[in-house]
Protein backbone atom coordinates (compact mmCIF):
# COMPACT_ATOMS: atom_id res chain seq x y z
CA UNK A 1 0.00 0.00 0.00
CA UNK A 2 1.08 3.59 -0.55
CA UNK A 3 1.75 6.01 2.31
CA UNK A 4 -1.64 7.74 2.07
CA UNK A 5 -3.57 4.46 2.24
CA UNK A 6 -1.44 3.32 5.19
CA UNK A 7 -2.26 6.52 7.07
CA UNK A 8 -5.98 6.13 6.38
CA UNK A 9 -5.94 2.57 7.72
CA UNK A 10 -4.00 3.62 10.83
CA UNK A 11 -6.52 6.43 11.33
CA UNK A 12 -9.39 3.93 11.25
CA UNK A 13 -7.62 1.70 13.76
CA UNK A 14 -7.19 4.56 16.23
CA UNK A 15 -10.96 5.24 16.25
CA UNK A 16 -12.62 1.93 15.28
CA UNK A 17 -10.15 -0.64 16.60
CA UNK A 18 -8.58 -3.42 14.56
CA UNK A 19 -10.57 -4.42 11.51
CA UNK A 20 -12.08 -7.90 11.52
CA UNK A 21 -11.78 -8.56 7.82
CA UNK A 22 -10.78 -6.98 4.55
CA UNK A 23 -13.32 -7.35 1.85
CA UNK A 24 -11.44 -6.91 -1.40
CA UNK A 25 -13.57 -5.01 -3.85
CA UNK A 26 -16.32 -6.87 -5.65
CA UNK A 27 -14.47 -6.66 -8.95
CA UNK A 28 -11.05 -8.11 -9.66
CA UNK A 29 -8.18 -5.59 -9.53
CA UNK A 30 -10.51 -2.88 -8.27
CA UNK A 31 -8.38 -0.33 -6.40
CA UNK A 32 -10.62 0.14 -3.33
CA UNK A 33 -11.03 -2.31 -0.43
CA UNK A 34 -13.65 -2.39 2.31
CA UNK A 35 -12.57 -2.87 5.94
CA UNK A 36 -15.03 -4.38 8.43
CA UNK A 37 -14.65 -3.20 12.02
CA UNK A 38 -16.60 -5.31 14.56
CA UNK A 39 -18.50 -3.92 17.56
CA UNK A 40 -16.60 -3.19 20.77
CA UNK A 41 -17.72 -2.48 24.33
CA UNK A 42 -17.51 1.28 23.77
CA UNK A 43 -18.70 1.14 20.17
CA UNK A 44 -21.63 -1.30 19.78
CA UNK A 45 -21.90 -1.03 15.99
CA UNK A 46 -20.25 -2.45 12.89
CA UNK A 47 -18.34 0.05 10.77
CA UNK A 48 -17.52 -0.70 7.13
CA UNK A 49 -15.08 1.78 5.59
CA UNK A 50 -13.41 2.22 2.22
CA UNK A 51 -9.63 2.08 1.97
CA UNK A 52 -8.01 3.51 -1.12
CA UNK A 53 -10.74 5.82 -2.43
CA UNK A 54 -8.79 8.90 -1.28
CA UNK A 55 -6.04 8.10 -3.79
CA UNK A 56 -8.38 9.38 -6.48
CA UNK A 57 -8.39 13.16 -6.48
CA UNK A 58 -11.67 14.81 -7.44
CA UNK A 59 -12.05 18.17 -9.09
CA UNK A 60 -15.06 19.98 -7.61
CA UNK A 61 -17.28 22.00 -9.95
CA UNK A 62 -17.13 25.75 -9.52
CA UNK A 63 -18.79 26.91 -6.32
CA UNK A 64 -18.84 23.53 -4.55
CA UNK A 65 -16.74 22.68 -1.46
CA UNK A 66 -13.37 21.12 -2.18
CA UNK A 67 -13.73 17.54 -1.02
CA UNK A 68 -11.06 16.37 -3.40
CA UNK A 69 -10.06 13.24 -1.46
CA UNK A 70 -12.75 11.13 0.20
CA UNK A 71 -13.29 7.92 2.14
CA UNK A 72 -16.78 6.54 2.87
CA UNK A 73 -18.19 4.77 5.95
CA UNK A 74 -21.44 2.93 6.63
CA UNK A 75 -22.68 1.64 9.99
CA UNK A 76 -24.78 -1.35 11.18
CA UNK A 77 -26.09 -2.36 14.59
CA UNK A 78 -24.09 -5.04 16.38
CA UNK A 79 -26.74 -7.73 15.88
CA UNK A 80 -26.57 -7.46 12.08
CA UNK A 81 -24.89 -10.40 10.42
CA UNK A 82 -22.20 -9.45 7.91
CA UNK A 83 -21.46 -12.38 5.63
CA UNK A 84 -20.52 -11.69 2.03
CA UNK A 85 -21.33 -15.24 1.03
CA UNK A 86 -24.99 -14.50 1.73
CA UNK A 87 -26.01 -12.08 -0.98
CA UNK A 88 -29.57 -11.63 0.34
CA UNK A 89 -28.51 -10.06 3.65
CA UNK A 90 -29.34 -6.35 3.99
CA UNK A 91 -25.78 -5.71 5.21
CA UNK A 92 -24.35 -7.35 2.09
CA UNK A 93 -26.55 -5.13 -0.07
CA UNK A 94 -25.37 -2.07 1.84
CA UNK A 95 -21.69 -2.84 1.22
CA UNK A 96 -22.45 -3.46 -2.44
CA UNK A 97 -24.14 -0.07 -2.51
CA UNK A 98 -21.00 1.43 -0.95
CA UNK A 99 -19.00 -0.12 -3.76
CA UNK A 100 -21.53 1.32 -6.20
CA UNK A 101 -20.82 4.81 -4.78
CA UNK A 102 -17.07 4.45 -5.18
CA UNK A 103 -17.56 3.62 -8.84
CA UNK A 104 -19.26 6.98 -9.40
CA UNK A 105 -16.05 8.68 -8.30
CA UNK A 106 -13.52 6.39 -9.96
CA UNK A 107 -15.19 5.15 -13.14
CA UNK A 108 -17.83 7.79 -13.89
CA UNK A 109 -15.68 10.73 -12.74
CA UNK A 110 -18.67 12.09 -10.83
CA UNK A 111 -17.82 14.60 -8.12
CA UNK A 112 -19.13 13.57 -4.72
CA UNK A 113 -18.86 15.32 -1.38
CA UNK A 114 -20.87 16.12 1.72
CA UNK A 115 -24.46 16.74 0.61
CA UNK A 116 -24.24 14.64 -2.56
CA UNK A 117 -27.37 12.59 -3.30
CA UNK A 118 -27.63 9.28 -5.12
CA UNK A 119 -30.64 7.23 -6.12
CA UNK A 120 -30.90 3.70 -4.69
CA UNK A 121 -33.63 2.48 -7.04
CA UNK A 122 -31.42 0.27 -9.21
CA UNK A 123 -30.03 -1.74 -6.33
CA UNK A 124 -32.34 -1.10 -3.36
CA UNK A 125 -32.82 -3.98 -0.93
CA UNK A 126 -36.39 -4.79 0.15
CA UNK A 127 -35.42 -4.17 3.80
CA UNK A 128 -34.85 -0.50 2.92
CA UNK A 129 -37.69 0.02 0.46
CA UNK A 130 -38.68 3.27 2.23
CA UNK A 131 -35.46 5.01 1.23
CA UNK A 132 -35.10 5.84 -2.47
CA UNK A 133 -32.05 8.08 -1.89
CA UNK A 134 -28.74 8.10 -0.06
CA UNK A 135 -26.96 11.27 1.06
CA UNK A 136 -23.34 11.76 2.09
CA UNK A 137 -23.31 13.27 5.57
CA UNK A 138 -20.36 14.25 7.72
CA UNK A 139 -19.78 11.52 10.35
CA UNK A 140 -21.32 13.68 13.08
CA UNK A 141 -21.48 10.96 15.73
CA UNK A 142 -17.71 10.41 15.55
CA UNK A 143 -15.40 12.40 17.83
CA UNK A 144 -14.18 15.75 16.41
CA UNK A 145 -10.68 14.37 15.85
CA UNK A 146 -11.97 11.82 13.35
CA UNK A 147 -12.33 14.22 10.44
CA UNK A 148 -10.67 15.57 8.45
CA UNK A 149 -7.39 13.63 8.36
CA UNK A 150 -4.25 15.57 7.44
CA UNK A 151 -1.60 13.48 5.73
CA UNK A 152 1.15 16.07 5.41
CA UNK A 153 -0.35 18.74 3.20
CA UNK A 154 -3.04 16.37 1.86
CA UNK A 155 -6.50 16.50 3.45
CA UNK A 156 -8.71 13.42 3.48
CA UNK A 157 -12.41 13.91 4.27
CA UNK A 158 -14.78 11.22 5.52
CA UNK A 159 -18.48 10.86 4.77
CA UNK A 160 -21.09 8.52 6.22
CA UNK A 161 -23.79 7.21 3.90
CA UNK A 162 -27.31 7.90 5.23
CA UNK A 163 -30.54 6.69 3.61
CA UNK A 164 -33.36 9.25 3.28
CA UNK A 165 -37.04 9.16 2.36
CA UNK A 166 -38.70 10.81 -0.63
CA UNK A 167 -40.12 13.59 1.58
CA UNK A 168 -36.65 14.33 2.98
CA UNK A 169 -35.19 14.38 -0.53
CA UNK A 170 -37.92 16.78 -1.69
CA UNK A 171 -37.23 19.07 1.28
CA UNK A 172 -33.51 19.02 0.56
CA UNK A 173 -34.11 19.85 -3.11
CA UNK A 174 -35.99 23.00 -2.15
CA UNK A 175 -34.04 24.04 0.95
CA UNK A 176 -30.56 22.58 0.66
CA UNK A 177 -28.55 19.98 2.53
CA UNK A 178 -27.80 22.10 5.61
CA UNK A 179 -31.49 22.84 6.23
CA UNK A 180 -32.32 19.14 5.97
CA UNK A 181 -29.55 18.28 8.42
CA UNK A 182 -30.79 20.96 10.82
CA UNK A 183 -34.35 19.59 10.64
CA UNK A 184 -33.20 16.00 11.17
CA UNK A 185 -31.10 16.94 14.19
CA UNK A 186 -33.88 19.12 15.65
CA UNK A 187 -36.52 16.41 15.22
CA UNK A 188 -34.12 13.65 16.32
CA UNK A 189 -34.52 11.67 13.11
CA UNK A 190 -30.86 11.74 12.10
CA UNK A 191 -29.33 8.29 12.53
CA UNK A 192 -26.23 7.24 10.57
CA UNK A 193 -26.76 3.56 11.43
CA UNK A 194 -28.53 1.63 8.67
CA UNK A 195 -31.94 0.46 9.86
CA UNK A 196 -35.24 -0.23 8.12
CA UNK A 197 -37.59 1.72 10.41
CA UNK A 198 -36.07 5.15 11.00
CA UNK A 199 -38.76 7.81 11.41
CA UNK A 200 -39.15 10.22 8.54
CA UNK A 201 -38.37 13.85 9.44
CA UNK A 202 -41.62 14.91 7.78
CA UNK A 203 -44.45 12.73 9.06
CA UNK A 204 -46.75 13.03 6.04
CA UNK A 205 -44.55 10.87 3.85
CA UNK A 206 -42.04 8.05 4.06
CA UNK A 207 -40.25 6.75 1.01
CA UNK A 208 -42.70 8.42 -1.33
CA UNK A 209 -45.59 6.56 0.34
CA UNK A 210 -48.60 8.38 1.76
CA UNK A 211 -48.86 7.52 5.44
CA UNK A 212 -52.05 6.54 7.26
CA UNK A 213 -53.48 9.13 9.61
CA UNK A 214 -52.45 7.17 12.69
CA UNK A 215 -48.89 6.43 11.54
CA UNK A 216 -47.26 8.63 14.19
CA UNK A 217 -49.50 7.08 16.85
CA UNK A 218 -48.39 3.62 15.75
CA UNK A 219 -44.70 4.59 15.80
CA UNK A 220 -45.09 6.12 19.26
CA UNK A 221 -46.81 2.94 20.45
CA UNK A 222 -43.99 0.77 19.11
CA UNK A 223 -41.43 3.00 20.84
CA UNK A 224 -43.38 2.72 24.11
CA UNK A 225 -43.51 -1.08 23.87
CA UNK A 226 -39.79 -1.29 23.15
CA UNK A 227 -38.99 1.00 26.10
CA UNK A 228 -41.19 -1.14 28.38
CA UNK A 229 -39.39 -4.28 27.24
CA UNK A 230 -35.99 -2.67 27.86
CA UNK A 231 -37.11 -1.79 31.38
CA UNK A 232 -38.22 -5.30 32.36
CA UNK A 233 -36.36 -7.63 29.96
CA UNK A 234 -33.06 -5.78 29.40
CA UNK A 235 -31.24 -5.53 26.07
CA UNK A 236 -32.44 -7.63 23.14
CA UNK A 237 -30.07 -10.27 21.81
CA UNK A 238 -31.70 -10.37 18.37
CA UNK A 239 -34.48 -8.50 16.58
CA UNK A 240 -36.37 -9.89 13.60
CA UNK A 241 -38.42 -7.37 11.63
CA UNK A 242 -40.77 -8.19 8.76
CA UNK A 243 -43.03 -5.93 6.72
CA UNK A 244 -46.15 -7.57 5.33
CA UNK A 245 -47.89 -6.08 2.27
CA UNK A 246 -51.38 -4.66 2.61
CA UNK A 247 -53.79 -4.82 -0.32
CA UNK A 248 -54.38 -1.40 -1.84
CA UNK A 249 -51.56 0.24 0.13
CA UNK A 250 -47.89 0.82 -0.59
CA UNK A 251 -47.13 0.83 3.13
CA UNK A 252 -47.18 -2.58 4.78
CA UNK A 253 -47.68 -3.67 8.39
CA UNK A 254 -44.59 -4.27 10.46
CA UNK A 255 -44.01 -7.06 12.95
CA UNK A 256 -40.86 -7.25 15.05
CA UNK A 257 -39.84 -10.15 17.24
CA UNK A 258 -37.23 -9.50 19.92
CA UNK A 259 -35.26 -12.16 21.77
CA UNK A 260 -34.08 -11.23 25.26
CA UNK A 261 -31.36 -13.35 26.93
CA UNK A 262 -31.38 -14.59 30.54
CA UNK A 263 -30.42 -11.90 33.05
CA UNK A 264 -30.62 -11.70 36.84
CA UNK A 265 -33.75 -13.34 38.25
CA UNK A 266 -35.02 -13.89 34.74
CA UNK A 267 -32.74 -16.88 34.08
CA UNK A 268 -34.61 -17.80 30.90
CA UNK A 269 -35.10 -16.37 27.39
CA UNK A 270 -38.03 -14.06 26.68
CA UNK A 271 -39.41 -13.74 23.15
CA UNK A 272 -41.69 -10.75 22.59
CA UNK A 273 -43.49 -9.11 19.66
CA UNK A 274 -43.75 -5.45 18.68
CA UNK A 275 -46.44 -4.39 16.21
CA UNK A 276 -49.40 -6.56 17.24
CA UNK A 277 -50.64 -3.73 19.50
CA UNK A 278 -51.15 -1.54 16.43
CA UNK A 279 -54.14 -3.72 15.56
CA UNK A 280 -57.17 -2.29 17.37
CA UNK A 281 -58.87 -5.53 18.35
CA UNK A 282 -62.56 -5.50 19.18
CA UNK A 283 -63.15 -8.82 20.98
CA UNK A 284 -66.68 -9.99 21.53
CA UNK A 285 -68.57 -12.76 23.27
CA UNK A 286 -66.83 -14.24 26.30
CA UNK A 287 -63.34 -13.08 25.27
CA UNK A 288 -61.41 -10.66 27.46
CA UNK A 289 -61.12 -7.15 26.10
CA UNK A 290 -57.45 -6.60 25.23
CA UNK A 291 -57.71 -4.00 22.47
CA UNK A 292 -53.93 -3.42 22.35
CA UNK A 293 -51.65 -6.31 23.22
CA UNK A 294 -48.36 -8.00 22.41
CA UNK A 295 -47.24 -11.62 22.74
CA UNK A 296 -44.54 -13.15 24.96
CA UNK A 297 -43.10 -16.65 25.03
CA UNK A 298 -40.43 -18.18 27.26
CA UNK A 299 -37.56 -20.62 26.67
CA UNK A 300 -35.12 -22.23 29.13
CA UNK A 301 -31.60 -20.95 29.78
CA UNK A 302 -29.96 -23.70 27.69
CA UNK A 303 -32.29 -23.06 24.73
CA UNK A 304 -29.67 -22.21 22.09
CA UNK A 305 -26.74 -23.87 23.90
CA UNK A 306 -24.30 -21.04 23.27
CA UNK A 307 -24.99 -20.85 19.53
CA UNK A 308 -25.59 -17.51 17.85
CA UNK A 309 -29.15 -16.89 16.70
CA UNK A 310 -29.35 -16.58 12.90
CA UNK A 311 -30.28 -13.19 11.47
CA UNK A 312 -32.97 -14.46 9.13
CA UNK A 313 -36.35 -15.57 10.48
CA UNK A 314 -36.42 -18.44 7.96
CA UNK A 315 -33.52 -20.20 9.70
CA UNK A 316 -34.44 -19.23 13.27
CA UNK A 317 -35.23 -21.86 15.94
CA UNK A 318 -38.75 -23.28 16.18
CA UNK A 319 -39.74 -21.19 19.21
CA UNK A 320 -39.01 -17.99 17.26
CA UNK A 321 -41.11 -19.19 14.34
CA UNK A 322 -44.00 -20.16 16.62
CA UNK A 323 -44.45 -16.69 18.11
CA UNK A 324 -43.65 -15.03 14.77
CA UNK A 325 -46.40 -16.99 13.00
CA UNK A 326 -49.00 -16.07 15.64
CA UNK A 327 -47.88 -12.45 15.44
CA UNK A 328 -48.06 -12.54 11.65
CA UNK A 329 -51.62 -13.90 11.76
CA UNK A 330 -52.63 -11.16 14.20
CA UNK A 331 -51.03 -8.38 12.15
CA UNK A 332 -52.16 -9.44 8.69
CA UNK A 333 -55.67 -10.87 9.23
CA UNK A 334 -58.19 -8.05 9.47
CA UNK A 335 -61.34 -10.11 10.00
CA UNK A 336 -60.05 -12.29 12.82
CA UNK A 337 -59.83 -11.02 16.37
CA UNK A 338 -57.00 -12.43 18.47
CA UNK A 339 -56.63 -12.12 22.22
CA UNK A 340 -57.00 -13.94 25.55
CA UNK A 341 -59.24 -16.96 25.20
CA UNK A 342 -58.34 -17.73 21.60
CA UNK A 343 -56.82 -21.11 20.85
CA UNK A 344 -54.83 -21.66 17.65
CA UNK A 345 -54.81 -25.37 16.67
CA UNK A 346 -51.93 -26.49 14.46
CA UNK A 347 -54.03 -27.50 11.50
CA UNK A 348 -57.29 -29.45 11.26
CA UNK A 349 -57.16 -31.96 12.75
CA UNK A 350 -54.44 -30.51 15.00
CA UNK A 351 -50.92 -31.81 14.37
CA UNK A 352 -48.03 -31.80 16.88
CA UNK A 353 -46.17 -28.48 16.92
CA UNK A 354 -42.96 -30.41 16.28
CA UNK A 355 -41.88 -34.05 16.00
CA UNK A 356 -42.31 -35.78 19.38
CA UNK A 357 -44.12 -32.74 20.80
CA UNK A 358 -46.99 -33.38 23.21
CA UNK A 359 -48.80 -30.17 22.23
CA UNK A 360 -50.89 -29.45 19.13
CA UNK A 361 -51.69 -25.74 19.34
CA UNK A 362 -51.31 -22.48 21.22
CA UNK A 363 -53.53 -20.72 23.73
CA UNK A 364 -53.47 -16.93 24.10
CA UNK A 365 -53.78 -15.87 27.75
CA UNK A 366 -53.02 -12.89 29.91
CA UNK A 367 -49.33 -13.06 30.87
CA UNK A 368 -49.96 -14.45 34.33
CA UNK A 369 -46.31 -15.49 34.69
CA UNK A 370 -45.38 -11.81 34.86
CA UNK A 371 -45.90 -9.43 37.81
CA UNK A 372 -48.84 -7.05 37.17
CA UNK A 373 -46.56 -4.05 36.53
CA UNK A 374 -44.82 -6.03 33.79
CA UNK A 375 -47.91 -7.40 32.09
CA UNK A 376 -49.68 -4.09 31.46
CA UNK A 377 -48.62 -0.47 31.00
CA UNK A 378 -49.93 2.80 29.59
CA UNK A 379 -48.61 3.90 26.20
CA UNK A 380 -47.63 7.43 25.22
CA UNK A 381 -51.09 7.98 23.71
CA UNK A 382 -52.91 6.97 26.90
CA UNK A 383 -54.03 3.50 25.82
CA UNK A 384 -53.43 0.42 27.99
CA UNK A 385 -51.11 -2.11 26.35
CA UNK A 386 -51.14 -5.63 27.79
CA UNK A 387 -48.87 -8.63 27.37
CA UNK A 388 -50.40 -11.93 26.31
CA UNK A 389 -48.64 -15.21 26.92
CA UNK A 390 -48.59 -18.00 24.36
CA UNK A 391 -48.99 -21.42 25.97
CA UNK A 392 -48.56 -24.66 23.98
CA UNK A 393 -51.63 -26.84 24.62
CA UNK A 394 -52.70 -30.41 23.96
CA UNK A 395 -55.66 -31.60 21.88
CA UNK A 396 -57.71 -32.08 25.05
CA UNK A 397 -56.91 -28.52 26.16
CA UNK A 398 -57.85 -27.15 22.74
CA UNK A 399 -61.25 -28.76 23.11
CA UNK A 400 -61.58 -27.50 26.70
CA UNK A 401 -60.78 -23.93 25.61
CA UNK A 402 -63.70 -23.99 23.20
CA UNK A 403 -66.19 -24.90 25.91
CA UNK A 404 -64.92 -23.14 29.07
CA UNK A 405 -61.83 -20.96 28.77
CA UNK A 406 -61.99 -19.76 32.39
CA UNK A 407 -62.07 -23.29 33.75
CA UNK A 408 -59.13 -24.25 31.52
CA UNK A 409 -57.07 -21.29 32.78
CA UNK A 410 -57.71 -22.44 36.36
CA UNK A 411 -56.44 -25.91 35.48
CA UNK A 412 -53.41 -24.44 33.66
CA UNK A 413 -52.55 -22.36 36.73
CA UNK A 414 -52.87 -25.40 38.99
CA UNK A 415 -50.62 -27.40 36.65
CA UNK A 416 -48.09 -24.52 36.59
CA UNK A 417 -48.40 -24.26 32.81
CA UNK A 418 -47.93 -20.47 32.89
CA UNK A 419 -44.53 -20.81 34.51
CA UNK A 420 -43.50 -23.96 32.64
CA UNK A 421 -40.30 -24.02 30.64
CA UNK A 422 -41.09 -27.34 28.97
CA UNK A 423 -42.73 -25.47 26.07
CA UNK A 424 -44.14 -27.74 23.37
CA UNK A 425 -43.29 -30.81 25.47
CA UNK A 426 -45.27 -29.81 28.59
CA UNK A 427 -47.73 -32.15 30.27
CA UNK A 428 -51.47 -31.80 29.83
CA UNK A 429 -53.17 -29.80 32.60
CA UNK A 430 -56.19 -32.10 32.47
CA UNK A 431 -54.13 -34.93 33.93
CA UNK A 432 -52.75 -35.11 37.45
CA UNK A 433 -49.15 -34.38 36.41
CA UNK A 434 -47.36 -31.04 36.83
CA UNK A 435 -44.41 -29.51 34.99
CA UNK A 436 -40.97 -30.00 36.47
CA UNK A 437 -39.19 -26.78 35.48
CA UNK A 438 -40.73 -23.39 36.15
CA UNK A 439 -40.02 -19.71 35.70
CA UNK A 440 -38.80 -17.96 38.88
CA UNK A 441 -41.69 -15.52 38.67
CA UNK A 442 -44.86 -15.51 40.71
CA UNK A 443 -48.19 -15.44 38.83
């Protein structure tokens, strides 16, 4: 490497730590590499930075700032998997997009600097469908000493790549980059870390899509649920987010599933949804009235046996898929009410939830394994949001739920089914047996 490239790499190391891997450019003999810096205790994000782009000197058009030598950086949260062998990962797409940006400078001789805008339409990943544009921002969340870098008399500038919505791009077109940055900082929507659900600075539009009237209410509700989970469950180990299409609308419905690891007295895993509470359920008959609720499910401490949870829901463990499927049904099915008292058989006739499983369906109940202050709270818009527990049930219990849900709950409590960690292999509450392992929480 030449002296300038060496200094750039050393500069990265002093701020990001040692890089985990060097991803040689996606084209043979391409002169720019991509360095992957893993999360650290003080810096819980991935950083992917170009090395070698600053060797190419740009000539700015008249009147534009002189960012003649540039390096680019993108950021991901620490739970994002970065594996270049998996082309469908959002992180892989993002690095390919970074490579796409470098080609504008090197091959197309296009001047790029802070405030430059590029369209993502040709290569946009479905995870980021809301963001048709990317803008080069100064890396504002880095310490002041990070930029610019002086290599003798040569100045190297750094830019972070930030995705923006159509409404933000329209505002920038009419008011300029600095005004957009000011608005994003003022409204706390500026976030350099790539994520699919960043709030739009201008609430009437996101990604060129007209928002429903209650969009801000829904986003506030999701934030309130996530804050409540952080308070009682701690920090999520993994988050799975899926957007489901809605007929006649460009904006889908979002379901997130968070996995919380054992911590303190909660020496078990907690799986919890975010997004179900945005359905305004109107239960009738003998069903309890839980208009806004989310689902929780529990797994024992040795559930994943030290293995990392995969990033994609398709390859996630069965327990993740179980709660995700119930959440999906609740989010996407308009004509079906879901809440306490509903039983979901696994097919007709009911099949075991897994090979050798003793249970054939799921029962939705109030989260009686949780203390009352955990199982219900008031959202930012004044509505009560409750937690519902998913309990694997046998064929006999499915039939009992249809005739007398209250009586079944009493039997489940007596059999310690609410605090059971046997999951799909638990004993039937209609027999005289009780579950061996239990959550250390009082109903």
